[in-house]
Amino acid sequence: MQGKLNNTALWTLAADAATTTFTDDRIGLETALHWSPTTVNAAAIVASMYVSETSRKNGEVTISHTNNSNTDKIFRITFHG
């Protein structure tokens, strides 16, 4: 891996929805997520994004976010823990 950590992913939030569920084997009940927007439309909704404790499962997380029709709400996600 040349010193890299294998703890990132590129995710796109759903259009016309208030939540998006992601599955990844690296997600655990205590995993913290850090997201960095990669588009203007993604950056515009960062303040509305959160993960409730009840939406966490091993291997899955649901992110709540602004509901709009933009299809390019793309984020680089980093997993911790």
C-alpha atoms as a PDB file:
ATOM      1  CA  MET A   1       0.000   0.000   0.000  1.00  0.00           C
ATOM      2  CA  GLN A   2       3.077   2.246  -0.006  1.00  0.00           C
ATOM      3  CA  GLY A   3       2.227   3.957   3.305  1.00  0.00           C
ATOM      4  CA  LYS A   4      -1.465   4.547   2.517  1.00  0.00           C
ATOM      5  CA  LEU A   5      -4.309   3.560   4.847  1.00  0.00           C
ATOM      6  CA  ASN A   6      -7.139   2.132   2.680  1.00  0.00           C
ATOM      7  CA  ASN A   7      -9.776   4.134   4.578  1.00  0.00           C
ATOM      8  CA  THR A   8     -11.318   6.346   1.895  1.00  0.00           C
ATOM      9  CA  ALA A   9     -14.166   6.122  -0.590  1.00  0.00           C
ATOM     10  CA  LEU A  10     -15.953   8.316  -3.121  1.00  0.00           C
ATOM     11  CA  TRP A  11     -19.705   8.564  -2.427  1.00  0.00           C
ATOM     12  CA  THR A  12     -22.533  10.365  -4.202  1.00  0.00           C
ATOM     13  CA  LEU A  13     -25.596  11.348  -2.194  1.00  0.00           C
ATOM     14  CA  ALA A  14     -28.989  10.464  -3.646  1.00  0.00           C
ATOM     15  CA  ALA A  15     -30.929  13.073  -5.628  1.00  0.00           C
ATOM     16  CA  ASP A  16     -34.541  13.788  -4.647  1.00  0.00           C
ATOM     17  CA  ALA A  17     -34.059  12.094  -1.262  1.00  0.00           C
ATOM     18  CA  ALA A  18     -33.364  13.241   2.308  1.00  0.00           C
ATOM     19  CA  THR A  19     -31.156  10.246   3.164  1.00  0.00           C
ATOM     20  CA  THR A  20     -28.586   8.070   1.445  1.00  0.00           C
ATOM     21  CA  THR A  21     -27.529   4.663   2.752  1.00  0.00           C
ATOM     22  CA  PHE A  22     -24.041   3.356   2.076  1.00  0.00           C
ATOM     23  CA  THR A  23     -22.689  -0.117   2.652  1.00  0.00           C
ATOM     24  CA  ASP A  24     -19.029  -0.865   3.158  1.00  0.00           C
ATOM     25  CA  ASP A  25     -17.368  -3.635   5.162  1.00  0.00           C
ATOM     26  CA  ARG A  26     -15.089  -1.049   6.769  1.00  0.00           C
ATOM     27  CA  ILE A  27     -18.013   0.641   8.586  1.00  0.00           C
ATOM     28  CA  GLY A  28     -18.537  -0.363  12.199  1.00  0.00           C
ATOM     29  CA  LEU A  29     -20.813   0.865  14.977  1.00  0.00           C
ATOM     30  CA  GLU A  30     -18.123   3.244  16.246  1.00  0.00           C
ATOM     31  CA  THR A  31     -16.748   4.369  12.868  1.00  0.00           C
ATOM     32  CA  ALA A  32     -16.406   8.126  12.478  1.00  0.00           C
ATOM     33  CA  LEU A  33     -16.849   9.571   8.998  1.00  0.00           C
ATOM     34  CA  HIS A  34     -15.188  12.686   7.647  1.00  0.00           C
ATOM     35  CA  TRP A  35     -16.519  13.995   4.349  1.00  0.00           C
ATOM     36  CA  SER A  36     -14.948  16.429   1.915  1.00  0.00           C
ATOM     37  CA  PRO A  37     -17.122  17.805  -0.879  1.00  0.00           C
ATOM     38  CA  THR A  38     -15.737  17.446  -4.398  1.00  0.00           C
ATOM     39  CA  THR A  39     -18.364  19.557  -6.214  1.00  0.00           C
ATOM     40  CA  VAL A  40     -20.060  22.925  -5.653  1.00  0.00           C
ATOM     41  CA  ASN A  41     -23.428  21.242  -5.049  1.00  0.00           C
ATOM     42  CA  ALA A  42     -21.859  18.949  -2.464  1.00  0.00           C
ATOM     43  CA  ALA A  43     -20.222  21.879  -0.681  1.00  0.00           C
ATOM     44  CA  ALA A  44     -23.567  23.707  -0.537  1.00  0.00           C
ATOM     45  CA  ILE A  45     -25.192  21.011   1.643  1.00  0.00           C
ATOM     46  CA  VAL A  46     -22.395  20.092   4.063  1.00  0.00           C
ATOM     47  CA  ALA A  47     -24.059  21.936   6.960  1.00  0.00           C
ATOM     48  CA  SER A  48     -27.187  19.778   6.580  1.00  0.00           C
ATOM     49  CA  MET A  49     -25.396  16.413   6.696  1.00  0.00           C
ATOM     50  CA  TYR A  50     -25.386  14.158   9.741  1.00  0.00           C
ATOM     51  CA  VAL A  51     -25.450  10.494  10.794  1.00  0.00           C
ATOM     52  CA  SER A  52     -27.855   9.619  13.599  1.00  0.00           C
ATOM     53  CA  GLU A  53     -26.770   6.910  16.021  1.00  0.00           C
ATOM     54  CA  THR A  54     -29.887   4.861  15.173  1.00  0.00           C
ATOM     55  CA  SER A  55     -28.923   4.723  11.483  1.00  0.00           C
ATOM     56  CA  ARG A  56     -25.641   2.888  12.129  1.00  0.00           C
ATOM     57  CA  LYS A  57     -25.143  -0.823  11.573  1.00  0.00           C
ATOM     58  CA  ASN A  58     -22.049  -2.910  11.055  1.00  0.00           C
ATOM     59  CA  GLY A  59     -21.266  -2.487   7.367  1.00  0.00           C
ATOM     60  CA  GLU A  60     -23.860   0.254   6.771  1.00  0.00           C
ATOM     61  CA  VAL A  61     -24.551   3.897   7.549  1.00  0.00           C
ATOM     62  CA  THR A  62     -27.321   6.295   6.525  1.00  0.00           C
ATOM     63  CA  ILE A  63     -26.458   9.949   5.984  1.00  0.00           C
ATOM     64  CA  SER A  64     -29.263  12.500   6.344  1.00  0.00           C
ATOM     65  CA  HIS A  65     -28.930  15.514   4.057  1.00  0.00           C
ATOM     66  CA  THR A  66     -30.718  18.238   2.111  1.00  0.00           C
ATOM     67  CA  ASN A  67     -33.324  16.916  -0.304  1.00  0.00           C
ATOM     68  CA  ASN A  68     -32.802  18.421  -3.768  1.00  0.00           C
ATOM     69  CA  SER A  69     -32.555  17.253  -7.369  1.00  0.00           C
ATOM     70  CA  ASN A  70     -28.801  17.737  -7.779  1.00  0.00           C
ATOM     71  CA  THR A  71     -27.120  14.545  -8.962  1.00  0.00           C
ATOM     72  CA  ASP A  72     -23.530  15.640  -8.348  1.00  0.00           C
ATOM     73  CA  LYS A  73     -23.409  15.720  -4.539  1.00  0.00           C
ATOM     74  CA  ILE A  74     -20.098  13.849  -4.527  1.00  0.00           C
ATOM     75  CA  PHE A  75     -17.909  13.455  -1.441  1.00  0.00           C
ATOM     76  CA  ARG A  76     -14.573  11.905  -0.597  1.00  0.00           C
ATOM     77  CA  ILE A  77     -15.262   9.987   2.646  1.00  0.00           C
ATOM     78  CA  THR A  78     -12.635   8.964   5.189  1.00  0.00           C
ATOM     79  CA  PHE A  79     -13.387   6.225   7.756  1.00  0.00           C
ATOM     80  CA  HIS A  80     -11.874   6.338  11.255  1.00  0.00           C
ATOM     81  CA  GLY A  81     -12.247   3.626  13.851  1.00  0.00           C
END
